[in-house]
């Protein structure tokens, strides 16, 4: 009986650890997206019409990693508005899964 309880506790502890790592990964990804959105917003405020090659590459790489359709396009073919829309879509998806995970804890 004690051994079985110990195994169950170990399994729960492992599951909680994995869930915490997943939440942290989502939060970090959301922070990364926030940073990109801030940079894009500054370009938008400055009335720029194109992304810098470095920023375009970062947005494209993230979109490709997260399997967003924008990731299938050429990095230098991205506009500011569409990059922002894609990042908001990605962020919304992450926030929904984060909120769902936090609701499960309660």
Protein backbone atom coordinates (compact mmCIF):
# COMPACT_ATOMS: atom_id res chain seq x y z
CA UNK A 1 0.00 0.00 0.00
CA UNK A 2 2.76 2.48 0.92
CA UNK A 3 4.75 1.52 -2.16
CA UNK A 4 1.71 2.05 -4.39
CA UNK A 5 1.08 5.47 -2.83
CA UNK A 6 4.72 6.40 -3.33
CA UNK A 7 4.51 5.44 -7.01
CA UNK A 8 1.35 7.52 -7.42
CA UNK A 9 2.97 10.53 -5.74
CA UNK A 10 6.03 10.21 -7.97
CA UNK A 11 3.83 10.03 -11.07
CA UNK A 12 1.86 13.10 -9.98
CA UNK A 13 5.02 15.01 -9.18
CA UNK A 14 6.42 14.18 -12.64
CA UNK A 15 3.17 15.25 -14.33
CA UNK A 16 3.09 18.57 -12.41
CA UNK A 17 6.72 19.20 -13.33
CA UNK A 18 6.00 18.57 -17.02
CA UNK A 19 2.90 20.78 -16.94
CA UNK A 20 4.87 23.59 -15.27
CA UNK A 21 7.58 23.37 -17.94
CA UNK A 22 4.93 23.54 -20.66
CA UNK A 23 3.32 26.61 -19.05
CA UNK A 24 6.71 28.34 -18.78
CA UNK A 25 7.46 27.52 -22.42
CA UNK A 26 4.13 29.03 -23.51
CA UNK A 27 4.69 32.13 -21.38
CA UNK A 28 8.18 32.58 -22.79
CA UNK A 29 6.83 32.23 -26.33
CA UNK A 30 4.15 34.83 -25.54
CA UNK A 31 6.88 37.19 -24.28
CA UNK A 32 8.84 36.59 -27.48
CA UNK A 33 5.77 37.44 -29.55
CA UNK A 34 5.16 40.55 -27.41
CA UNK A 35 8.68 41.74 -28.18
CA UNK A 36 8.20 41.25 -31.91
CA UNK A 37 4.85 43.04 -31.77
CA UNK A 38 6.47 45.97 -29.96
CA UNK A 39 9.10 46.25 -32.69
CA UNK A 40 6.47 46.05 -35.41
CA UNK A 41 4.33 48.66 -33.68
CA UNK A 42 7.30 51.04 -33.54
CA UNK A 43 7.77 50.60 -37.29
CA UNK A 44 4.07 51.20 -37.78
CA UNK A 45 4.14 54.38 -35.66
CA UNK A 46 7.17 55.60 -37.62
CA UNK A 47 5.07 55.03 -40.76
CA UNK A 48 7.59 52.61 -42.20
CA UNK A 49 6.30 50.46 -45.02
CA UNK A 50 8.67 47.50 -44.79
CA UNK A 51 10.16 45.29 -42.13
CA UNK A 52 13.89 45.25 -41.59
CA UNK A 53 15.47 42.07 -42.97
CA UNK A 54 16.41 40.94 -39.44
CA UNK A 55 12.91 41.50 -38.04
CA UNK A 56 11.31 39.89 -41.07
CA UNK A 57 13.53 36.86 -40.60
CA UNK A 58 12.62 36.57 -36.90
CA UNK A 59 8.88 36.82 -37.59
CA UNK A 60 9.16 34.30 -40.42
CA UNK A 61 11.16 31.85 -38.29
CA UNK A 62 8.64 32.02 -35.45
CA UNK A 63 5.69 31.60 -37.82
CA UNK A 64 7.36 28.58 -39.42
CA UNK A 65 8.17 27.01 -36.02
CA UNK A 66 4.57 27.46 -34.90
CA UNK A 67 3.23 26.19 -38.25
CA UNK A 68 1.45 29.41 -39.18
CA UNK A 69 0.76 29.90 -42.92
CA UNK A 70 2.94 33.02 -42.86
CA UNK A 71 5.91 30.75 -42.25
CA UNK A 72 5.47 29.21 -45.70
CA UNK A 73 6.07 32.55 -47.41
CA UNK A 74 9.37 34.19 -48.23
CA UNK A 75 10.66 36.32 -45.32
CA UNK A 76 11.23 39.37 -47.51
CA UNK A 77 7.62 39.15 -48.75
CA UNK A 78 6.13 40.02 -45.33
CA UNK A 79 4.33 43.28 -44.63
CA UNK A 80 4.07 44.93 -41.23
CA UNK A 81 0.29 44.60 -40.91
CA UNK A 82 0.17 40.95 -41.94
CA UNK A 83 3.10 40.10 -39.67
CA UNK A 84 1.27 41.73 -36.76
CA UNK A 85 -1.95 39.88 -37.60
CA UNK A 86 -0.10 36.57 -37.71
CA UNK A 87 1.64 37.24 -34.39
CA UNK A 88 -1.67 38.17 -32.75
CA UNK A 89 -3.16 34.91 -34.06
CA UNK A 90 -0.26 32.92 -32.65
CA UNK A 91 -0.41 34.76 -29.33
CA UNK A 92 -4.16 34.23 -29.01
CA UNK A 93 -3.72 30.50 -29.55
CA UNK A 94 -1.05 30.34 -26.86
CA UNK A 95 -3.07 32.37 -24.39
CA UNK A 96 -6.09 30.15 -24.85
CA UNK A 97 -4.06 27.03 -24.09
CA UNK A 98 -2.44 28.81 -21.13
CA UNK A 99 -5.81 29.84 -19.70
CA UNK A 100 -7.16 26.32 -20.20
CA UNK A 101 -4.21 24.85 -18.33
CA UNK A 102 -4.67 27.29 -15.44
CA UNK A 103 -8.41 26.50 -15.27
CA UNK A 104 -7.53 22.81 -14.94
CA UNK A 105 -5.44 23.55 -11.85
CA UNK A 106 -8.35 25.07 -9.93
